[in-house]
Each structure stands twice: as structure tokens, then as C-alpha cells.
Amino acid sequence: GEEIVADLRIRHAGRLRGIEIPAGRVPSMIDELPVLLALAATADGTTRLRGAAELRVKESDRLDVMARGLAAMGVELEEFEDGMDVRGGPLAAAAVDGAGDHRCAMSFCVLGQVADGAVSVSGCENIDTSYPGFGDDLRRAGGRVEQVG
């Protein structure tokens, strides 16, 4: 069937808090989970994701790609076959690999905006697959994006 789409207006309402993502909601937000894991890395406390084994068979093993990238940025996490626990905290400068997966690469680019130092994201070549204007929109929102190579 058709996917429901929406425009969102987000207002800052203080620090994010870790949550337990209801397993029943996971199928309807499977493509949004990489950016949700990135946001979890900035939240106070632990965010718990289960029931997301499908992420292992998308354009990449998204759980593995996100776990490796988040860990490189100093995020405490525990990876499971069907999800992960992410403990929010300070984010370090790092080189991370989006593994050619547009959703993981965009998630790392967003997360890089709040890291303590530069975050270099490789494996970004497929971002145009789902969001051709991503870099321009991130810049317009105040983000720092520099294409190298």
C-alpha cells in the first residue's frame, strides 16, 4: 500500500529522553529507525529497540552499520540480533562509514552536526536515491556540510 507522508514542524522542548520503542510500532517505521538511533545517541538515558531484525536485510545490515558508526563516535551501546540499546552521551569526532546505505549515511550526517568535532562520513554516494536535496536542505537548516573527494 501507499506510505503515509507528512511535513513536520519541530520545536525545541528541552533534552531528548531515552525511550523503549514499542515493538508493535517497528514495522511502520523501519526506514526511520537509523535516524531514530542517531537521535537516541543524543538523548539522556537509554533507548531500547527490539523487533527490528528486518534492518539486517535492507540496503545494508543497518543495525551493524549504525552500531559501528555510533561506537566510533563514542556512544555506549549493546547490539542484539533484532535491535540495540543506545545510551545517549557526548559525541566525539570520528570517521564513520554509511556503507553505501542512504539512510545510515544521512543519519550520520545529521548526528555529525552535534558532535564535538568534525565527523567524516564515507559511503554517502546513494543519498540521492531517496533525498536528492539532502545536503542543500541540511545547510539551509544551519548544518555544516562539506563534500570532499
Protein backbone atom coordinates (compact mmCIF):
# COMPACT_ATOMS: atom_id res chain seq x y z
CA GLY A 1 0.00 0.00 0.00
CA GLU A 2 0.86 3.63 -0.05
CA GLU A 3 3.02 5.11 2.66
CA ILE A 4 1.63 7.92 4.76
CA VAL A 5 3.76 11.05 4.45
CA ALA A 6 3.73 14.26 6.44
CA ASP A 7 5.53 17.54 6.88
CA LEU A 8 6.76 18.06 10.42
CA ARG A 9 7.44 21.22 12.36
CA ILE A 10 9.76 20.55 15.26
CA ARG A 11 10.19 22.86 18.23
CA HIS A 12 12.94 22.52 20.78
CA ALA A 13 11.39 21.36 24.04
CA GLY A 14 14.47 20.55 26.10
CA ARG A 15 16.67 17.49 26.11
CA LEU A 16 15.54 14.27 24.49
CA ARG A 17 14.96 11.33 26.83
CA GLY A 18 15.68 7.70 26.07
CA ILE A 19 12.62 5.54 25.41
CA GLU A 20 11.64 1.95 24.78
CA ILE A 21 10.40 1.79 21.21
CA PRO A 22 7.23 -0.35 21.19
CA ALA A 23 7.89 -3.48 19.10
CA GLY A 24 4.42 -3.15 17.57
CA ARG A 25 5.41 0.19 16.04
CA VAL A 26 8.67 -1.02 14.49
CA PRO A 27 7.23 -2.34 11.18
CA SER A 28 5.61 1.02 10.39
CA MET A 29 8.83 2.95 10.99
CA ILE A 30 11.51 0.55 9.74
CA ASP A 31 13.06 3.11 7.36
CA GLU A 32 13.13 5.81 10.04
CA LEU A 33 14.95 3.68 12.62
CA PRO A 34 18.51 4.67 11.60
CA VAL A 35 17.82 8.36 12.29
CA LEU A 36 15.95 7.42 15.46
CA LEU A 37 19.05 5.53 16.66
CA ALA A 38 21.13 8.61 15.84
CA LEU A 39 18.79 10.77 17.91
CA ALA A 40 18.95 8.22 20.73
CA ALA A 41 22.70 8.84 20.87
CA THR A 42 21.95 12.43 21.94
CA ALA A 43 19.23 11.60 24.48
CA ASP A 44 19.50 11.40 28.25
CA GLY A 45 19.34 7.76 29.31
CA THR A 46 18.92 4.60 27.28
CA THR A 47 16.80 3.98 24.21
CA ARG A 48 15.79 0.36 23.68
CA LEU A 49 14.92 -1.04 20.23
CA ARG A 50 13.75 -4.63 19.67
CA GLY A 51 11.82 -6.40 16.92
CA ALA A 52 13.86 -4.77 14.16
CA ALA A 53 15.70 -7.77 12.66
CA GLU A 54 14.45 -6.62 9.23
CA LEU A 55 17.09 -3.86 9.43
CA ARG A 56 19.73 -6.55 8.87
CA VAL A 57 18.47 -7.23 5.33
CA LYS A 58 17.88 -3.73 3.94
CA GLU A 59 20.37 -1.94 1.63
CA SER A 60 22.93 -2.88 4.28
CA ASP A 61 22.84 -4.52 7.69
CA ARG A 62 21.59 -1.26 9.16
CA LEU A 63 21.89 -2.42 12.76
CA ASP A 64 25.55 -3.27 12.25
CA VAL A 65 26.32 -0.11 10.25
CA MET A 66 24.64 2.11 12.84
CA ALA A 67 26.29 0.27 15.75
CA ARG A 68 29.77 0.64 14.23
CA GLY A 69 29.27 4.31 13.42
CA LEU A 70 27.77 5.19 16.78
CA ALA A 71 30.52 3.31 18.62
CA ALA A 72 33.16 5.19 16.60
CA MET A 73 31.60 8.42 17.91
CA GLY A 74 31.94 7.17 21.48
CA VAL A 75 28.34 6.08 22.01
CA GLU A 76 27.76 3.32 24.54
CA LEU A 77 25.53 0.64 23.04
CA GLU A 78 24.70 -3.03 23.09
CA GLU A 79 23.72 -4.67 19.83
CA PHE A 80 21.26 -7.56 19.64
CA GLU A 81 20.09 -9.73 16.75
CA ASP A 82 16.87 -7.72 16.50
CA GLY A 83 17.85 -4.30 17.82
CA MET A 84 20.08 -2.41 20.22
CA ASP A 85 20.23 -0.39 23.39
CA VAL A 86 21.75 3.06 22.91
CA ARG A 87 22.90 5.15 25.86
CA GLY A 88 23.00 8.84 25.00
CA GLY A 89 26.00 10.97 25.78
CA PRO A 90 28.67 13.24 24.32
CA LEU A 91 29.61 12.53 20.72
CA ALA A 92 33.22 12.51 19.60
CA ALA A 93 34.70 13.49 16.26
CA ALA A 94 35.07 10.38 14.13
CA ALA A 95 35.27 8.87 10.68
CA VAL A 96 32.22 6.69 10.06
CA ASP A 97 31.04 4.63 7.10
CA GLY A 98 27.49 4.84 5.78
CA ALA A 99 28.25 1.60 3.87
CA GLY A 100 26.52 2.90 0.75
CA ASP A 101 23.21 2.96 2.64
CA HIS A 102 21.47 6.29 2.10
CA ARG A 103 19.51 6.19 5.36
CA CYS A 104 22.52 5.36 7.54
CA ALA A 105 24.68 7.96 5.78
CA MET A 106 22.07 10.70 6.24
CA SER A 107 21.66 9.72 9.89
CA PHE A 108 25.41 10.09 10.48
CA CYS A 109 25.42 13.46 8.67
CA VAL A 110 22.67 14.72 10.97
CA LEU A 111 24.42 13.35 14.05
CA GLY A 112 27.66 14.99 12.96
CA GLN A 113 26.01 18.38 13.46
CA VAL A 114 26.07 17.95 17.24
CA ALA A 115 29.37 16.08 17.69
CA ASP A 116 32.36 17.56 19.50
CA GLY A 117 34.42 17.98 16.34
CA ALA A 118 34.21 17.01 12.70
CA VAL A 119 32.52 13.81 11.63
CA SER A 120 33.62 12.44 8.27
CA VAL A 121 31.01 10.20 6.63
CA SER A 122 32.07 7.91 3.80
CA GLY A 123 29.68 5.73 1.83
CA CYS A 124 27.32 8.64 1.06
CA GLU A 125 27.08 8.08 -2.68
CA ASN A 126 23.50 6.76 -2.52
CA ILE A 127 21.90 9.63 -0.57
CA ASP A 128 20.38 10.96 -3.79
CA THR A 129 18.40 7.70 -4.02
CA SER A 130 15.87 8.93 -1.51
CA TYR A 131 16.70 12.59 -0.88
CA PRO A 132 18.43 14.41 -3.76
CA GLY A 133 18.45 17.79 -1.96
CA PHE A 134 19.63 16.47 1.41
CA GLY A 135 22.93 18.37 1.59
CA ASP A 136 21.35 21.64 0.49
CA ASP A 137 18.47 21.26 2.95
CA LEU A 138 20.84 20.43 5.80
CA ARG A 139 22.85 23.58 5.01
CA ARG A 140 19.67 25.68 4.87
CA ALA A 141 18.75 24.35 8.32
CA GLY A 142 22.09 25.63 9.62
CA GLY A 143 24.09 22.44 9.21
CA ARG A 144 27.72 22.26 8.24
CA VAL A 145 28.27 20.03 5.23
CA GLU A 146 31.39 19.81 3.12
CA GLN A 147 31.76 17.36 0.27
CA VAL A 148 35.27 16.00 -0.08
CA GLY A 149 36.65 13.88 -2.86
